[in-house]
Amino acid sequence: MSFFEILKRGLGKTREEISKKIEGLLISFGKIDEGFFEELEDILVTSDVGIDTTMEIIKDIRKKVKERKITNPAEIKRLLTEKLAGILEDGNRELVLNTRPSVIIVVGVNGVGKTTTIGKIAANLKKEGKKVIIAAADTFRAAAIEQLEIWSKRAGAE
């Protein structure tokens, strides 16, 4: 199994959390209105989709809702799936670290495996002969820093 396949499997929990929130939104709104789009925007932003990407998604979905005269919130799920898949397909899947230094920032909701992923990335980069430094920032979980220290030792990173 490749590193990116392992990473993809690890992101399954994040996908599940976002899916639950979106399903709840679709069930709770009987119509597509400004409140619906505000809630969808909040879900995407709080799920670490990013402001620019969220705004692009919302803009695209609003446009398609208007063009196709969509009135049922349940139909939004298909539009959202198509848009997200398109964004992911268009993205560069290669990790390019040709600047010195290169920085990788890892963000995500609680409990999705960020700490473990950081350790695995560090180990892979060390195997490639790169110098790796792991730093914790904005960490609220008590054991996160200690776990990063353990992963950095395992990977041979600072």
N, C-alpha and C. Protein backbone atom coordinates (compact mmCIF):
# COMPACT_ATOMS: atom_id res chain seq x y z
N MET A 1 0.85 -1.18 0.00
CA MET A 1 0.00 0.00 0.00
C MET A 1 0.90 1.24 0.00
N SER A 2 0.63 2.17 -0.90
CA SER A 2 1.46 3.37 -1.00
C SER A 2 1.17 4.32 0.16
N PHE A 3 2.08 5.25 0.36
CA PHE A 3 1.94 6.25 1.42
C PHE A 3 0.64 7.03 1.25
N PHE A 4 0.32 7.43 0.00
CA PHE A 4 -0.88 8.22 -0.23
C PHE A 4 -2.15 7.39 -0.05
N GLU A 5 -2.08 6.08 -0.29
CA GLU A 5 -3.24 5.22 -0.01
C GLU A 5 -3.47 5.13 1.49
N ILE A 6 -2.40 5.04 2.27
CA ILE A 6 -2.50 5.01 3.72
C ILE A 6 -3.08 6.34 4.22
N LEU A 7 -2.59 7.43 3.67
CA LEU A 7 -3.08 8.76 4.04
C LEU A 7 -4.56 8.89 3.71
N LYS A 8 -4.94 8.42 2.53
CA LYS A 8 -6.34 8.48 2.10
C LYS A 8 -7.24 7.72 3.07
N ARG A 9 -6.80 6.54 3.48
CA ARG A 9 -7.59 5.75 4.42
C ARG A 9 -7.72 6.49 5.75
N GLY A 10 -6.64 7.12 6.18
CA GLY A 10 -6.66 7.87 7.42
C GLY A 10 -7.59 9.07 7.39
N LEU A 11 -7.80 9.62 6.22
CA LEU A 11 -8.68 10.77 6.09
C LEU A 11 -10.16 10.37 6.07
N GLY A 12 -10.43 9.09 6.10
CA GLY A 12 -11.81 8.61 6.09
C GLY A 12 -12.63 9.15 7.24
N LYS A 13 -12.02 9.30 8.40
CA LYS A 13 -12.73 9.80 9.57
C LYS A 13 -13.16 11.25 9.35
N THR A 14 -12.28 12.05 8.74
CA THR A 14 -12.62 13.44 8.43
C THR A 14 -13.81 13.47 7.47
N ARG A 15 -13.75 12.62 6.45
CA ARG A 15 -14.84 12.55 5.47
C ARG A 15 -16.15 12.19 6.15
N GLU A 16 -16.10 11.23 7.07
CA GLU A 16 -17.31 10.81 7.78
C GLU A 16 -17.90 11.96 8.59
N GLU A 17 -17.05 12.72 9.28
CA GLU A 17 -17.53 13.84 10.09
C GLU A 17 -18.20 14.91 9.23
N ILE A 18 -17.56 15.26 8.12
CA ILE A 18 -18.14 16.25 7.22
C ILE A 18 -19.46 15.72 6.66
N SER A 19 -19.48 14.47 6.28
CA SER A 19 -20.70 13.87 5.72
C SER A 19 -21.85 13.93 6.70
N LYS A 20 -21.59 13.61 7.97
CA LYS A 20 -22.63 13.67 9.00
C LYS A 20 -23.21 15.07 9.12
N LYS A 21 -22.32 16.06 9.14
CA LYS A 21 -22.78 17.45 9.26
C LYS A 21 -23.61 17.87 8.06
N ILE A 22 -23.17 17.49 6.88
CA ILE A 22 -23.91 17.86 5.67
C ILE A 22 -25.25 17.13 5.62
N GLU A 23 -25.28 15.86 5.99
CA GLU A 23 -26.55 15.11 6.03
C GLU A 23 -27.52 15.80 6.99
N GLY A 24 -27.02 16.22 8.15
CA GLY A 24 -27.87 16.94 9.11
C GLY A 24 -28.41 18.22 8.53
N LEU A 25 -27.59 18.93 7.79
CA LEU A 25 -28.02 20.17 7.14
C LEU A 25 -29.12 19.89 6.13
N LEU A 26 -28.92 18.88 5.30
CA LEU A 26 -29.89 18.56 4.26
C LEU A 26 -31.23 18.14 4.85
N ILE A 27 -31.19 17.46 5.98
CA ILE A 27 -32.42 17.02 6.64
C ILE A 27 -33.13 18.19 7.31
N SER A 28 -32.36 19.11 7.90
CA SER A 28 -32.97 20.18 8.69
C SER A 28 -33.53 21.34 7.86
N PHE A 29 -33.11 21.45 6.60
CA PHE A 29 -33.62 22.54 5.76
C PHE A 29 -34.60 21.99 4.74
N GLY A 30 -35.79 22.58 4.70
CA GLY A 30 -36.80 22.17 3.74
C GLY A 30 -36.68 22.89 2.41
N LYS A 31 -35.90 23.96 2.40
CA LYS A 31 -35.72 24.71 1.17
C LYS A 31 -34.31 25.27 1.11
N ILE A 32 -33.92 25.65 -0.08
CA ILE A 32 -32.60 26.23 -0.28
C ILE A 32 -32.75 27.75 -0.21
N ASP A 33 -32.22 28.32 0.86
CA ASP A 33 -32.28 29.77 1.03
C ASP A 33 -30.94 30.27 1.56
N GLU A 34 -30.89 31.53 1.90
CA GLU A 34 -29.63 32.12 2.38
C GLU A 34 -29.14 31.42 3.64
N GLY A 35 -30.05 31.07 4.54
CA GLY A 35 -29.68 30.36 5.76
C GLY A 35 -29.03 29.01 5.47
N PHE A 36 -29.55 28.32 4.46
CA PHE A 36 -28.98 27.05 4.04
C PHE A 36 -27.53 27.23 3.61
N PHE A 37 -27.29 28.23 2.74
CA PHE A 37 -25.93 28.46 2.24
C PHE A 37 -24.99 28.91 3.36
N GLU A 38 -25.51 29.68 4.32
CA GLU A 38 -24.67 30.10 5.45
C GLU A 38 -24.25 28.89 6.29
N GLU A 39 -25.20 27.99 6.53
CA GLU A 39 -24.88 26.77 7.30
C GLU A 39 -23.88 25.90 6.55
N LEU A 40 -24.08 25.74 5.24
CA LEU A 40 -23.15 24.95 4.43
C LEU A 40 -21.75 25.56 4.48
N GLU A 41 -21.69 26.87 4.37
CA GLU A 41 -20.40 27.58 4.45
C GLU A 41 -19.74 27.32 5.80
N ASP A 42 -20.50 27.41 6.88
CA ASP A 42 -19.96 27.15 8.23
C ASP A 42 -19.41 25.73 8.35
N ILE A 43 -20.15 24.77 7.82
CA ILE A 43 -19.70 23.37 7.88
C ILE A 43 -18.38 23.21 7.14
N LEU A 44 -18.28 23.78 5.96
CA LEU A 44 -17.06 23.63 5.16
C LEU A 44 -15.87 24.32 5.84
N VAL A 45 -16.08 25.53 6.33
CA VAL A 45 -14.98 26.27 6.97
C VAL A 45 -14.53 25.57 8.25
N THR A 46 -15.48 25.13 9.08
CA THR A 46 -15.10 24.48 10.33
C THR A 46 -14.55 23.08 10.10
N SER A 47 -14.69 22.56 8.89
CA SER A 47 -14.11 21.26 8.54
C SER A 47 -12.76 21.42 7.86
N ASP A 48 -12.19 22.62 7.95
CA ASP A 48 -10.86 22.92 7.42
C ASP A 48 -10.77 22.83 5.90
N VAL A 49 -11.87 23.11 5.22
CA VAL A 49 -11.83 23.15 3.76
C VAL A 49 -11.05 24.37 3.30
N GLY A 50 -11.09 25.44 4.09
CA GLY A 50 -10.39 26.67 3.74
C GLY A 50 -11.37 27.71 3.21
N ILE A 51 -11.09 28.96 3.50
CA ILE A 51 -12.00 30.05 3.12
C ILE A 51 -12.13 30.16 1.61
N ASP A 52 -11.01 30.25 0.90
CA ASP A 52 -11.07 30.44 -0.55
C ASP A 52 -11.79 29.28 -1.24
N THR A 53 -11.45 28.06 -0.84
CA THR A 53 -12.08 26.89 -1.44
C THR A 53 -13.56 26.85 -1.09
N THR A 54 -13.90 27.16 0.16
CA THR A 54 -15.31 27.19 0.56
C THR A 54 -16.08 28.19 -0.27
N MET A 55 -15.52 29.39 -0.45
CA MET A 55 -16.23 30.42 -1.22
C MET A 55 -16.40 29.98 -2.67
N GLU A 56 -15.41 29.31 -3.23
CA GLU A 56 -15.52 28.80 -4.60
C GLU A 56 -16.63 27.76 -4.69
N ILE A 57 -16.69 26.87 -3.71
CA ILE A 57 -17.72 25.83 -3.69
C ILE A 57 -19.11 26.45 -3.58
N ILE A 58 -19.27 27.36 -2.64
CA ILE A 58 -20.58 28.00 -2.43
C ILE A 58 -21.01 28.76 -3.69
N LYS A 59 -20.09 29.50 -4.28
CA LYS A 59 -20.40 30.25 -5.49
C LYS A 59 -20.86 29.32 -6.61
N ASP A 60 -20.14 28.22 -6.80
CA ASP A 60 -20.47 27.26 -7.85
C ASP A 60 -21.83 26.60 -7.60
N ILE A 61 -22.09 26.22 -6.36
CA ILE A 61 -23.36 25.56 -6.04
C ILE A 61 -24.52 26.54 -6.20
N ARG A 62 -24.34 27.79 -5.75
CA ARG A 62 -25.39 28.80 -5.94
C ARG A 62 -25.74 28.95 -7.42
N LYS A 63 -24.70 29.01 -8.24
CA LYS A 63 -24.89 29.17 -9.69
C LYS A 63 -25.67 28.00 -10.28
N LYS A 64 -25.29 26.78 -9.90
CA LYS A 64 -25.96 25.59 -10.43
C LYS A 64 -27.39 25.48 -9.91
N VAL A 65 -27.63 25.86 -8.66
CA VAL A 65 -28.98 25.85 -8.10
C VAL A 65 -29.88 26.78 -8.92
N LYS A 66 -29.35 27.95 -9.24
CA LYS A 66 -30.12 28.93 -10.01
C LYS A 66 -30.34 28.46 -11.45
N GLU A 67 -29.27 27.98 -12.10
CA GLU A 67 -29.36 27.53 -13.49
C GLU A 67 -30.31 26.35 -13.65
N ARG A 68 -30.22 25.39 -12.73
CA ARG A 68 -31.00 24.16 -12.84
C ARG A 68 -32.33 24.23 -12.09
N LYS A 69 -32.57 25.39 -11.46
CA LYS A 69 -33.81 25.61 -10.70
C LYS A 69 -34.02 24.52 -9.64
N ILE A 70 -32.97 24.23 -8.91
CA ILE A 70 -33.02 23.21 -7.86
C ILE A 70 -33.68 23.80 -6.63
N THR A 71 -34.65 23.07 -6.08
CA THR A 71 -35.36 23.55 -4.89
C THR A 71 -35.22 22.60 -3.70
N ASN A 72 -34.84 21.37 -3.96
CA ASN A 72 -34.73 20.36 -2.91
C ASN A 72 -33.31 20.34 -2.36
N PRO A 73 -33.14 20.61 -1.06
CA PRO A 73 -31.79 20.59 -0.48
C PRO A 73 -31.06 19.27 -0.68
N ALA A 74 -31.78 18.16 -0.76
CA ALA A 74 -31.13 16.85 -0.94
C ALA A 74 -30.33 16.79 -2.24
N GLU A 75 -30.73 17.56 -3.24
CA GLU A 75 -30.01 17.57 -4.52
C GLU A 75 -28.65 18.28 -4.41
N ILE A 76 -28.48 19.05 -3.35
CA ILE A 76 -27.22 19.76 -3.13
C ILE A 76 -26.09 18.77 -2.89
N LYS A 77 -26.39 17.65 -2.27
CA LYS A 77 -25.35 16.65 -1.95
C LYS A 77 -24.62 16.22 -3.22
N ARG A 78 -25.37 15.97 -4.29
CA ARG A 78 -24.75 15.55 -5.55
C ARG A 78 -23.88 16.67 -6.11
N LEU A 79 -24.39 17.91 -6.06
CA LEU A 79 -23.60 19.06 -6.55
C LEU A 79 -22.31 19.21 -5.75
N LEU A 80 -22.43 19.08 -4.44
CA LEU A 80 -21.27 19.22 -3.56
C LEU A 80 -20.25 18.12 -3.83
N THR A 81 -20.73 16.89 -3.99
CA THR A 81 -19.85 15.76 -4.29
C THR A 81 -19.11 15.99 -5.60
N GLU A 82 -19.84 16.43 -6.62
CA GLU A 82 -19.22 16.70 -7.92
C GLU A 82 -18.15 17.79 -7.82
N LYS A 83 -18.48 18.85 -7.10
CA LYS A 83 -17.55 19.98 -6.96
C LYS A 83 -16.29 19.56 -6.21
N LEU A 84 -16.46 18.88 -5.08
CA LEU A 84 -15.31 18.45 -4.29
C LEU A 84 -14.44 17.47 -5.07
N ALA A 85 -15.07 16.54 -5.78
CA ALA A 85 -14.32 15.57 -6.58
C ALA A 85 -13.52 16.31 -7.67
N GLY A 86 -14.14 17.31 -8.28
CA GLY A 86 -13.46 18.10 -9.31
C GLY A 86 -12.26 18.84 -8.76
N ILE A 87 -12.41 19.41 -7.57
CA ILE A 87 -11.29 20.13 -6.93
C ILE A 87 -10.15 19.16 -6.65
N LEU A 88 -10.47 17.99 -6.11
CA LEU A 88 -9.44 17.02 -5.78
C LEU A 88 -8.76 16.46 -7.03
N GLU A 89 -9.52 16.24 -8.08
CA GLU A 89 -8.94 15.72 -9.32
C GLU A 89 -8.03 16.74 -9.98
N ASP A 90 -8.38 18.02 -9.86
CA ASP A 90 -7.58 19.07 -10.47
C ASP A 90 -6.29 19.34 -9.72
N GLY A 91 -6.24 18.95 -8.46
CA GLY A 91 -5.09 19.25 -7.62
C GLY A 91 -3.86 18.43 -7.97
N ASN A 92 -2.72 18.96 -7.64
CA ASN A 92 -1.46 18.26 -7.83
C ASN A 92 -1.32 17.28 -6.67
N ARG A 93 -1.19 16.02 -6.96
CA ARG A 93 -1.12 14.99 -5.92
C ARG A 93 0.30 14.74 -5.44
N GLU A 94 1.25 15.37 -6.07
CA GLU A 94 2.64 15.14 -5.71
C GLU A 94 3.06 16.13 -4.62
N LEU A 95 3.74 15.61 -3.64
CA LEU A 95 4.28 16.45 -2.58
C LEU A 95 5.60 17.03 -3.09
N VAL A 96 5.60 18.33 -3.37
CA VAL A 96 6.78 18.98 -3.94
C VAL A 96 7.49 19.75 -2.84
N LEU A 97 8.71 19.34 -2.56
CA LEU A 97 9.50 19.98 -1.52
C LEU A 97 10.82 20.44 -2.11
N ASN A 98 10.75 21.35 -3.08
CA ASN A 98 11.96 21.78 -3.75
C ASN A 98 12.47 23.13 -3.26
N THR A 99 11.83 23.71 -2.25
CA THR A 99 12.32 24.94 -1.66
C THR A 99 13.06 24.59 -0.38
N ARG A 100 13.94 25.48 0.03
CA ARG A 100 14.69 25.26 1.27
C ARG A 100 14.53 26.46 2.16
N PRO A 101 13.89 26.39 3.28
CA PRO A 101 13.22 25.19 3.78
C PRO A 101 11.84 25.02 3.13
N SER A 102 11.31 23.83 3.21
CA SER A 102 9.94 23.54 2.83
C SER A 102 9.14 23.34 4.11
N VAL A 103 7.90 23.76 4.10
CA VAL A 103 7.05 23.64 5.29
C VAL A 103 5.77 22.92 4.91
N ILE A 104 5.41 21.95 5.71
CA ILE A 104 4.14 21.24 5.56
C ILE A 104 3.30 21.57 6.79
N ILE A 105 2.13 22.12 6.58
CA ILE A 105 1.22 22.42 7.68
C ILE A 105 0.10 21.39 7.65
N VAL A 106 -0.16 20.78 8.79
CA VAL A 106 -1.18 19.74 8.88
C VAL A 106 -2.32 20.27 9.75
N VAL A 107 -3.51 20.32 9.18
CA VAL A 107 -4.69 20.77 9.92
C VAL A 107 -5.81 19.75 9.74
N GLY A 108 -6.73 19.73 10.68
CA GLY A 108 -7.87 18.83 10.58
C GLY A 108 -8.64 18.81 11.88
N VAL A 109 -9.80 18.21 11.81
CA VAL A 109 -10.65 18.12 13.00
C VAL A 109 -10.05 17.12 13.97
N ASN A 110 -10.50 17.18 15.21
CA ASN A 110 -9.97 16.30 16.26
C ASN A 110 -10.21 14.83 15.95
N GLY A 111 -9.19 14.03 16.25
CA GLY A 111 -9.34 12.59 16.17
C GLY A 111 -9.22 11.96 14.80
N VAL A 112 -8.64 12.67 13.85
CA VAL A 112 -8.57 12.13 12.48
C VAL A 112 -7.20 11.57 12.12
N GLY A 113 -6.25 11.62 13.05
CA GLY A 113 -4.95 11.03 12.79
C GLY A 113 -3.87 11.98 12.33
N LYS A 114 -4.01 13.25 12.66
CA LYS A 114 -3.00 14.23 12.24
C LYS A 114 -1.63 13.90 12.82
N THR A 115 -1.59 13.60 14.11
CA THR A 115 -0.32 13.33 14.77
C THR A 115 0.37 12.12 14.16
N THR A 116 -0.37 11.06 13.94
CA THR A 116 0.19 9.86 13.32
C THR A 116 0.67 10.15 11.91
N THR A 117 -0.12 10.90 11.16
CA THR A 117 0.24 11.25 9.78
C THR A 117 1.53 12.06 9.76
N ILE A 118 1.66 13.00 10.68
CA ILE A 118 2.89 13.81 10.77
C ILE A 118 4.09 12.89 10.99
N GLY A 119 3.94 11.93 11.89
CA GLY A 119 5.04 11.00 12.16
C GLY A 119 5.41 10.18 10.93
N LYS A 120 4.41 9.75 10.19
CA LYS A 120 4.66 8.94 9.00
C LYS A 120 5.30 9.77 7.89
N ILE A 121 4.84 11.00 7.73
CA ILE A 121 5.45 11.89 6.73
C ILE A 121 6.91 12.13 7.10
N ALA A 122 7.16 12.41 8.38
CA ALA A 122 8.53 12.66 8.83
C ALA A 122 9.43 11.46 8.55
N ALA A 123 8.94 10.27 8.86
CA ALA A 123 9.74 9.06 8.62
C ALA A 123 10.04 8.89 7.14
N ASN A 124 9.05 9.10 6.28
CA ASN A 124 9.27 8.97 4.84
C ASN A 124 10.28 10.00 4.33
N LEU A 125 10.17 11.22 4.81
CA LEU A 125 11.11 12.26 4.37
C LEU A 125 12.53 11.97 4.86
N LYS A 126 12.65 11.45 6.07
CA LYS A 126 13.98 11.08 6.59
C LYS A 126 14.59 9.97 5.73
N LYS A 127 13.77 9.00 5.31
CA LYS A 127 14.24 7.92 4.43
C LYS A 127 14.77 8.48 3.11
N GLU A 128 14.21 9.61 2.68
CA GLU A 128 14.66 10.26 1.45
C GLU A 128 15.90 11.11 1.68
N GLY A 129 16.38 11.15 2.93
CA GLY A 129 17.59 11.90 3.24
C GLY A 129 17.37 13.36 3.57
N LYS A 130 16.14 13.73 3.81
CA LYS A 130 15.84 15.12 4.14
C LYS A 130 15.99 15.37 5.64
N LYS A 131 16.33 16.60 5.99
CA LYS A 131 16.37 17.00 7.39
C LYS A 131 14.94 17.40 7.77
N VAL A 132 14.43 16.84 8.85
CA VAL A 132 13.05 17.06 9.25
C VAL A 132 12.98 17.62 10.66
N ILE A 133 12.21 18.68 10.81
CA ILE A 133 11.94 19.26 12.11
C ILE A 133 10.42 19.28 12.28
N ILE A 134 9.95 18.77 13.40
CA ILE A 134 8.52 18.74 13.69
C ILE A 134 8.24 19.78 14.76
N ALA A 135 7.23 20.61 14.52
CA ALA A 135 6.84 21.63 15.50
C ALA A 135 5.34 21.57 15.72
N ALA A 136 4.92 21.73 16.97
CA ALA A 136 3.50 21.76 17.30
C ALA A 136 3.08 23.21 17.45
N ALA A 137 1.90 23.51 16.92
CA ALA A 137 1.36 24.87 17.05
C ALA A 137 -0.14 24.77 17.28
N ASP A 138 -0.65 25.60 18.17
CA ASP A 138 -2.09 25.68 18.39
C ASP A 138 -2.66 24.32 18.77
N THR A 139 -1.92 23.58 19.61
CA THR A 139 -2.33 22.24 20.00
C THR A 139 -3.10 22.31 21.32
N PHE A 140 -4.33 21.81 21.32
CA PHE A 140 -5.17 21.87 22.51
C PHE A 140 -5.28 20.53 23.22
N ARG A 141 -4.94 19.45 22.53
CA ARG A 141 -5.04 18.13 23.15
C ARG A 141 -3.80 17.92 24.01
N ALA A 142 -4.02 17.54 25.24
CA ALA A 142 -2.95 17.47 26.24
C ALA A 142 -1.77 16.61 25.79
N ALA A 143 -2.01 15.46 25.22
CA ALA A 143 -0.93 14.54 24.90
C ALA A 143 -0.34 14.74 23.51
N ALA A 144 -0.85 15.69 22.75
CA ALA A 144 -0.41 15.85 21.36
C ALA A 144 1.08 16.15 21.25
N ILE A 145 1.59 17.04 22.06
CA ILE A 145 3.00 17.41 21.98
C ILE A 145 3.88 16.22 22.35
N GLU A 146 3.49 15.49 23.39
CA GLU A 146 4.26 14.31 23.79
C GLU A 146 4.24 13.26 22.68
N GLN A 147 3.10 13.08 22.04
CA GLN A 147 3.02 12.11 20.95
C GLN A 147 3.88 12.54 19.77
N LEU A 148 3.90 13.83 19.48
CA LEU A 148 4.78 14.33 18.41
C LEU A 148 6.24 14.08 18.74
N GLU A 149 6.60 14.24 20.01
CA GLU A 149 7.97 13.96 20.42
C GLU A 149 8.32 12.49 20.19
N ILE A 150 7.40 11.60 20.52
CA ILE A 150 7.63 10.16 20.30
C ILE A 150 7.79 9.89 18.81
N TRP A 151 6.88 10.45 17.99
CA TRP A 151 6.96 10.23 16.53
C TRP A 151 8.26 10.81 15.96
N SER A 152 8.67 11.96 16.46
CA SER A 152 9.91 12.56 15.93
C SER A 152 11.12 11.68 16.26
N LYS A 153 11.15 11.08 17.45
CA LYS A 153 12.24 10.17 17.82
C LYS A 153 12.23 8.93 16.92
N ARG A 154 11.04 8.37 16.70
CA ARG A 154 10.92 7.19 15.83
C ARG A 154 11.42 7.49 14.43
N ALA A 155 11.11 8.70 13.95
CA ALA A 155 11.48 9.07 12.58
C ALA A 155 12.91 9.57 12.47
N GLY A 156 13.51 9.86 13.61
CA GLY A 156 14.86 10.43 13.58
C GLY A 156 14.83 11.91 13.22
N ALA A 157 13.73 12.56 13.53
CA ALA A 157 13.58 14.00 13.24
C ALA A 157 13.77 14.81 14.53
N GLU A 158 14.07 16.06 14.32
CA GLU A 158 14.21 16.96 15.49
C GLU A 158 12.83 17.40 15.94
